């Protein structure tokens, strides 16, 4: 059973639609996506594949809201699902949350796009002051262009996690509301993918 706090109507953009996670049709796809070798190393399990039962138990732990991202126009023989975005560890007292994004292997940079669309939704829907991203240091290549532009390193646990035959620092970055709205990259992406009928 979902523990999402919100299940709004689809979030629509020009080429991308977000819809609430539907366990009856999305579970197996999400499990396979999360346990592929690259995902295992870079996503939440960091190399330790869960069983389906473990995955089902963990899927909603600390989740605030999550959506499946789909391409709004694809041929009938292709799966429109391109990833999942999730807000977790939401802190209503301090107005913070954490962001997670996972995409299928053939999305050609859409991970950044769906993250930015989701970030806009979070800032517009809740009085969130800042959004955290946490990851091992080897995974920072996926956000390299954003570091020091609008992502600020706020913590670093030295030699915290073991992967690729060595120990890595574990970092937490923060994205502040005003920095997000002042950033040209975010604005350009939102303008490009915004639909005129979006609410």
C-alpha atoms as a PDB file:
ATOM      1  CA  UNK A   1       0.000   0.000   0.000  1.00  0.00           C
ATOM      2  CA  UNK A   2       1.357   3.425  -0.940  1.00  0.00           C
ATOM      3  CA  UNK A   3       2.329   5.822   1.817  1.00  0.00           C
ATOM      4  CA  UNK A   4       2.561   8.813  -0.491  1.00  0.00           C
ATOM      5  CA  UNK A   5       1.227  11.993   1.074  1.00  0.00           C
ATOM      6  CA  UNK A   6       0.028  13.306  -2.269  1.00  0.00           C
ATOM      7  CA  UNK A   7      -1.474  11.612  -5.323  1.00  0.00           C
ATOM      8  CA  UNK A   8      -2.296  14.571  -7.562  1.00  0.00           C
ATOM      9  CA  UNK A   9      -3.338  14.483 -11.169  1.00  0.00           C
ATOM     10  CA  UNK A  10      -0.634  13.862 -13.720  1.00  0.00           C
ATOM     11  CA  UNK A  11       2.091  16.480 -13.890  1.00  0.00           C
ATOM     12  CA  UNK A  12       2.230  17.306 -17.574  1.00  0.00           C
ATOM     13  CA  UNK A  13       5.070  18.818 -19.587  1.00  0.00           C
ATOM     14  CA  UNK A  14       5.568  19.195 -23.317  1.00  0.00           C
ATOM     15  CA  UNK A  15       7.247  15.825 -23.821  1.00  0.00           C
ATOM     16  CA  UNK A  16       7.124  14.287 -20.357  1.00  0.00           C
ATOM     17  CA  UNK A  17       4.284  13.184 -18.088  1.00  0.00           C
ATOM     18  CA  UNK A  18       4.643  12.359 -14.392  1.00  0.00           C
ATOM     19  CA  UNK A  19       2.068  10.052 -12.873  1.00  0.00           C
ATOM     20  CA  UNK A  20       1.767   8.513  -9.411  1.00  0.00           C
ATOM     21  CA  UNK A  21       3.514   5.175  -8.990  1.00  0.00           C
ATOM     22  CA  UNK A  22       1.130   2.265  -9.603  1.00  0.00           C
ATOM     23  CA  UNK A  23       2.434  -0.833  -7.880  1.00  0.00           C
ATOM     24  CA  UNK A  24       0.201  -3.164  -9.908  1.00  0.00           C
ATOM     25  CA  UNK A  25       1.847  -2.211 -13.208  1.00  0.00           C
ATOM     26  CA  UNK A  26       5.125  -0.588 -12.207  1.00  0.00           C
ATOM     27  CA  UNK A  27       6.586  -2.856  -9.531  1.00  0.00           C
ATOM     28  CA  UNK A  28       8.407  -5.356 -11.773  1.00  0.00           C
ATOM     29  CA  UNK A  29       9.705  -2.615 -14.075  1.00  0.00           C
ATOM     30  CA  UNK A  30      10.915  -0.556 -11.094  1.00  0.00           C
ATOM     31  CA  UNK A  31      12.553  -3.600  -9.513  1.00  0.00           C
ATOM     32  CA  UNK A  32      14.402  -4.501 -12.718  1.00  0.00           C
ATOM     33  CA  UNK A  33      15.431  -0.878 -13.217  1.00  0.00           C
ATOM     34  CA  UNK A  34      16.742  -0.608  -9.655  1.00  0.00           C
ATOM     35  CA  UNK A  35      18.680  -3.873  -9.741  1.00  0.00           C
ATOM     36  CA  UNK A  36      20.491  -3.471 -13.066  1.00  0.00           C
ATOM     37  CA  UNK A  37      24.247  -3.410 -12.477  1.00  0.00           C
ATOM     38  CA  UNK A  38      24.715   0.333 -13.003  1.00  0.00           C
ATOM     39  CA  UNK A  39      21.671   1.122 -10.895  1.00  0.00           C
ATOM     40  CA  UNK A  40      22.815  -1.192  -8.120  1.00  0.00           C
ATOM     41  CA  UNK A  41      26.080   0.712  -7.837  1.00  0.00           C
ATOM     42  CA  UNK A  42      24.728   4.253  -8.267  1.00  0.00           C
ATOM     43  CA  UNK A  43      21.196   4.034  -6.848  1.00  0.00           C
ATOM     44  CA  UNK A  44      20.027   3.491  -3.268  1.00  0.00           C
ATOM     45  CA  UNK A  45      21.317  -0.087  -2.757  1.00  0.00           C
ATOM     46  CA  UNK A  46      24.964   0.635  -3.703  1.00  0.00           C
ATOM     47  CA  UNK A  47      25.850  -2.846  -4.893  1.00  0.00           C
ATOM     48  CA  UNK A  48      23.658  -5.058  -2.665  1.00  0.00           C
ATOM     49  CA  UNK A  49      20.690  -6.336  -4.699  1.00  0.00           C
ATOM     50  CA  UNK A  50      17.511  -6.765  -2.640  1.00  0.00           C
ATOM     51  CA  UNK A  51      15.073  -9.598  -3.179  1.00  0.00           C
ATOM     52  CA  UNK A  52      11.664  -8.685  -4.551  1.00  0.00           C
ATOM     53  CA  UNK A  53      10.237  -9.029  -1.062  1.00  0.00           C
ATOM     54  CA  UNK A  54      12.880  -6.714   0.413  1.00  0.00           C
ATOM     55  CA  UNK A  55      12.362  -4.244  -2.402  1.00  0.00           C
ATOM     56  CA  UNK A  56       8.601  -4.220  -1.791  1.00  0.00           C
ATOM     57  CA  UNK A  57       9.183  -3.484   1.900  1.00  0.00           C
ATOM     58  CA  UNK A  58      11.705  -0.716   1.231  1.00  0.00           C
ATOM     59  CA  UNK A  59       9.926   0.939  -1.676  1.00  0.00           C
ATOM     60  CA  UNK A  60       7.869   3.325   0.438  1.00  0.00           C
ATOM     61  CA  UNK A  61      10.129   3.733   3.469  1.00  0.00           C
ATOM     62  CA  UNK A  62      10.394   7.472   4.267  1.00  0.00           C
ATOM     63  CA  UNK A  63       8.855   8.331   0.868  1.00  0.00           C
ATOM     64  CA  UNK A  64       7.094  11.683   0.734  1.00  0.00           C
ATOM     65  CA  UNK A  65       5.934  11.420  -2.880  1.00  0.00           C
ATOM     66  CA  UNK A  66       7.126   9.673  -6.015  1.00  0.00           C
ATOM     67  CA  UNK A  67       6.213   9.611  -9.676  1.00  0.00           C
ATOM     68  CA  UNK A  68       6.903   7.562 -12.759  1.00  0.00           C
ATOM     69  CA  UNK A  69       8.197   9.754 -15.599  1.00  0.00           C
ATOM     70  CA  UNK A  70       6.919   8.877 -19.064  1.00  0.00           C
ATOM     71  CA  UNK A  71       7.430  10.228 -22.554  1.00  0.00           C
ATOM     72  CA  UNK A  72       4.057  11.559 -23.611  1.00  0.00           C
ATOM     73  CA  UNK A  73       4.418  10.498 -27.242  1.00  0.00           C
ATOM     74  CA  UNK A  74       6.042   7.176 -28.185  1.00  0.00           C
ATOM     75  CA  UNK A  75       5.260   4.413 -30.654  1.00  0.00           C
ATOM     76  CA  UNK A  76       2.889   1.733 -29.406  1.00  0.00           C
ATOM     77  CA  UNK A  77       5.620  -0.931 -29.228  1.00  0.00           C
ATOM     78  CA  UNK A  78       7.845   1.097 -26.889  1.00  0.00           C
ATOM     79  CA  UNK A  79       7.627   1.485 -23.136  1.00  0.00           C
ATOM     80  CA  UNK A  80       7.010   5.190 -22.399  1.00  0.00           C
ATOM     81  CA  UNK A  81       8.483   4.936 -18.867  1.00  0.00           C
ATOM     82  CA  UNK A  82      11.863   6.609 -18.556  1.00  0.00           C
ATOM     83  CA  UNK A  83      12.423   6.809 -14.824  1.00  0.00           C
ATOM     84  CA  UNK A  84      11.251   7.456 -11.297  1.00  0.00           C
ATOM     85  CA  UNK A  85      11.592  10.599  -9.190  1.00  0.00           C
ATOM     86  CA  UNK A  86      11.124  10.497  -5.448  1.00  0.00           C
ATOM     87  CA  UNK A  87      11.055  12.931  -2.548  1.00  0.00           C
ATOM     88  CA  UNK A  88      11.958  11.259   0.756  1.00  0.00           C
ATOM     89  CA  UNK A  89      12.743  12.152   4.368  1.00  0.00           C
ATOM     90  CA  UNK A  90      10.508  15.212   4.072  1.00  0.00           C
ATOM     91  CA  UNK A  91      10.881  17.436   7.146  1.00  0.00           C
ATOM     92  CA  UNK A  92       7.808  19.652   7.545  1.00  0.00           C
ATOM     93  CA  UNK A  93       9.261  21.444  10.551  1.00  0.00           C
ATOM     94  CA  UNK A  94      12.459  22.527   8.839  1.00  0.00           C
ATOM     95  CA  UNK A  95      11.016  22.562   5.289  1.00  0.00           C
ATOM     96  CA  UNK A  96      13.571  20.275   3.679  1.00  0.00           C
ATOM     97  CA  UNK A  97      13.435  17.060   1.672  1.00  0.00           C
ATOM     98  CA  UNK A  98      15.733  14.685  -0.209  1.00  0.00           C
ATOM     99  CA  UNK A  99      15.636  13.993  -3.957  1.00  0.00           C
ATOM    100  CA  UNK A 100      16.200  10.716  -5.754  1.00  0.00           C
ATOM    101  CA  UNK A 101      16.111  10.098  -9.511  1.00  0.00           C
ATOM    102  CA  UNK A 102      16.624   6.892 -11.470  1.00  0.00           C
ATOM    103  CA  UNK A 103      16.318   6.542 -15.236  1.00  0.00           C
ATOM    104  CA  UNK A 104      16.421   3.750 -17.776  1.00  0.00           C
ATOM    105  CA  UNK A 105      19.663   3.320 -19.675  1.00  0.00           C
ATOM    106  CA  UNK A 106      18.620   4.937 -22.972  1.00  0.00           C
ATOM    107  CA  UNK A 107      17.308   8.304 -21.790  1.00  0.00           C
ATOM    108  CA  UNK A 108      20.133  10.504 -23.164  1.00  0.00           C
ATOM    109  CA  UNK A 109      20.266  13.060 -20.372  1.00  0.00           C
ATOM    110  CA  UNK A 110      16.581  13.037 -19.499  1.00  0.00           C
ATOM    111  CA  UNK A 111      17.526  12.369 -15.879  1.00  0.00           C
ATOM    112  CA  UNK A 112      18.481  16.006 -15.473  1.00  0.00           C
ATOM    113  CA  UNK A 113      15.276  17.143 -17.175  1.00  0.00           C
ATOM    114  CA  UNK A 114      12.914  15.034 -15.084  1.00  0.00           C
ATOM    115  CA  UNK A 115      14.791  16.037 -11.922  1.00  0.00           C
ATOM    116  CA  UNK A 116      14.370  19.733 -12.677  1.00  0.00           C
ATOM    117  CA  UNK A 117      10.669  19.342 -13.504  1.00  0.00           C
ATOM    118  CA  UNK A 118      10.176  17.445 -10.246  1.00  0.00           C
ATOM    119  CA  UNK A 119      12.146  20.022  -8.251  1.00  0.00           C
ATOM    120  CA  UNK A 120       9.886  22.762  -9.597  1.00  0.00           C
ATOM    121  CA  UNK A 121       6.859  20.729  -8.512  1.00  0.00           C
ATOM    122  CA  UNK A 122       8.277  20.248  -4.994  1.00  0.00           C
ATOM    123  CA  UNK A 123       9.071  23.939  -4.549  1.00  0.00           C
ATOM    124  CA  UNK A 124       5.665  24.956  -5.921  1.00  0.00           C
ATOM    125  CA  UNK A 125       3.682  22.473  -3.832  1.00  0.00           C
ATOM    126  CA  UNK A 126       5.311  22.642  -0.401  1.00  0.00           C
ATOM    127  CA  UNK A 127       7.112  25.440   1.507  1.00  0.00           C
ATOM    128  CA  UNK A 128      10.431  23.680   0.991  1.00  0.00           C
ATOM    129  CA  UNK A 129      13.508  25.844   1.604  1.00  0.00           C
ATOM    130  CA  UNK A 130      16.073  23.431   0.212  1.00  0.00           C
ATOM    131  CA  UNK A 131      16.340  19.997  -1.352  1.00  0.00           C
ATOM    132  CA  UNK A 132      19.154  17.598  -0.510  1.00  0.00           C
ATOM    133  CA  UNK A 133      20.933  15.134  -2.775  1.00  0.00           C
ATOM    134  CA  UNK A 134      23.127  12.475  -1.152  1.00  0.00           C
ATOM    135  CA  UNK A 135      25.535  10.121  -2.904  1.00  0.00           C
ATOM    136  CA  UNK A 136      28.959   8.464  -2.870  1.00  0.00           C
ATOM    137  CA  UNK A 137      31.669  10.643  -4.367  1.00  0.00           C
ATOM    138  CA  UNK A 138      32.042   8.446  -7.455  1.00  0.00           C
ATOM    139  CA  UNK A 139      28.446   9.246  -8.395  1.00  0.00           C
ATOM    140  CA  UNK A 140      28.954  13.024  -8.481  1.00  0.00           C
ATOM    141  CA  UNK A 141      29.837  12.812 -12.173  1.00  0.00           C
ATOM    142  CA  UNK A 142      26.101  12.605 -12.840  1.00  0.00           C
ATOM    143  CA  UNK A 143      25.619  16.115 -11.382  1.00  0.00           C
ATOM    144  CA  UNK A 144      29.011  17.603 -12.250  1.00  0.00           C
ATOM    145  CA  UNK A 145      27.579  20.503 -14.248  1.00  0.00           C
ATOM    146  CA  UNK A 146      25.351  21.532 -11.338  1.00  0.00           C
ATOM    147  CA  UNK A 147      27.968  21.430  -8.569  1.00  0.00           C
ATOM    148  CA  UNK A 148      28.981  24.964  -7.554  1.00  0.00           C
ATOM    149  CA  UNK A 149      26.404  26.403  -9.967  1.00  0.00           C
ATOM    150  CA  UNK A 150      23.367  25.770  -7.824  1.00  0.00           C
ATOM    151  CA  UNK A 151      24.248  22.693  -5.770  1.00  0.00           C
ATOM    152  CA  UNK A 152      26.180  23.411  -2.580  1.00  0.00           C
ATOM    153  CA  UNK A 153      28.176  20.728  -0.776  1.00  0.00           C
ATOM    154  CA  UNK A 154      26.940  20.704   2.815  1.00  0.00           C
ATOM    155  CA  UNK A 155      28.471  17.556   4.289  1.00  0.00           C
ATOM    156  CA  UNK A 156      31.123  14.949   3.536  1.00  0.00           C
ATOM    157  CA  UNK A 157      31.590  11.653   5.388  1.00  0.00           C
ATOM    158  CA  UNK A 158      35.159  10.536   4.764  1.00  0.00           C
ATOM    159  CA  UNK A 159      35.772   7.004   3.436  1.00  0.00           C
ATOM    160  CA  UNK A 160      32.181   6.142   4.276  1.00  0.00           C
ATOM    161  CA  UNK A 161      31.147   3.535   1.690  1.00  0.00           C
ATOM    162  CA  UNK A 162      32.921   0.709  -0.129  1.00  0.00           C
ATOM    163  CA  UNK A 163      32.500   0.286  -3.892  1.00  0.00           C
ATOM    164  CA  UNK A 164      34.740  -0.291  -6.924  1.00  0.00           C
ATOM    165  CA  UNK A 165      37.308  -1.932  -4.607  1.00  0.00           C
ATOM    166  CA  UNK A 166      37.864   1.117  -2.427  1.00  0.00           C
ATOM    167  CA  UNK A 167      36.248   3.389   0.156  1.00  0.00           C
ATOM    168  CA  UNK A 168      34.602   6.612  -0.984  1.00  0.00           C
ATOM    169  CA  UNK A 169      33.466   9.809   0.704  1.00  0.00           C
ATOM    170  CA  UNK A 170      29.708  10.190   1.045  1.00  0.00           C
ATOM    171  CA  UNK A 171      28.444  13.679   0.145  1.00  0.00           C
ATOM    172  CA  UNK A 172      25.295  15.673   0.724  1.00  0.00           C
ATOM    173  CA  UNK A 173      24.496  18.603  -1.575  1.00  0.00           C
ATOM    174  CA  UNK A 174      21.774  21.203  -1.074  1.00  0.00           C
ATOM    175  CA  UNK A 175      19.700  23.072  -3.631  1.00  0.00           C
ATOM    176  CA  UNK A 176      18.160  26.272  -2.273  1.00  0.00           C
ATOM    177  CA  UNK A 177      14.830  27.510  -3.572  1.00  0.00           C
ATOM    178  CA  UNK A 178      16.067  30.916  -4.780  1.00  0.00           C
ATOM    179  CA  UNK A 179      19.194  29.468  -6.397  1.00  0.00           C
ATOM    180  CA  UNK A 180      16.990  27.091  -8.379  1.00  0.00           C
ATOM    181  CA  UNK A 181      14.716  29.831  -9.703  1.00  0.00           C
ATOM    182  CA  UNK A 182      17.678  32.121 -10.472  1.00  0.00           C
ATOM    183  CA  UNK A 183      19.469  29.459 -12.526  1.00  0.00           C
ATOM    184  CA  UNK A 184      19.355  29.846 -16.303  1.00  0.00           C
ATOM    185  CA  UNK A 185      19.748  26.111 -16.986  1.00  0.00           C
ATOM    186  CA  UNK A 186      16.718  25.233 -14.874  1.00  0.00           C
ATOM    187  CA  UNK A 187      14.668  28.059 -16.385  1.00  0.00           C
ATOM    188  CA  UNK A 188      15.541  27.050 -19.954  1.00  0.00           C
ATOM    189  CA  UNK A 189      14.618  23.423 -19.342  1.00  0.00           C
ATOM    190  CA  UNK A 190      11.331  24.336 -17.678  1.00  0.00           C
ATOM    191  CA  UNK A 191      10.400  26.757 -20.463  1.00  0.00           C
ATOM    192  CA  UNK A 192      11.247  24.179 -23.110  1.00  0.00           C
ATOM    193  CA  UNK A 193       9.222  21.381 -21.576  1.00  0.00           C
ATOM    194  CA  UNK A 194       6.359  23.355 -20.056  1.00  0.00           C
ATOM    195  CA  UNK A 195       2.913  22.832 -21.566  1.00  0.00           C
ATOM    196  CA  UNK A 196       0.557  25.797 -21.934  1.00  0.00           C
ATOM    197  CA  UNK A 197      -2.224  23.708 -20.401  1.00  0.00           C
ATOM    198  CA  UNK A 198      -0.111  22.701 -17.406  1.00  0.00           C
ATOM    199  CA  UNK A 199      -1.596  23.607 -14.022  1.00  0.00           C
END
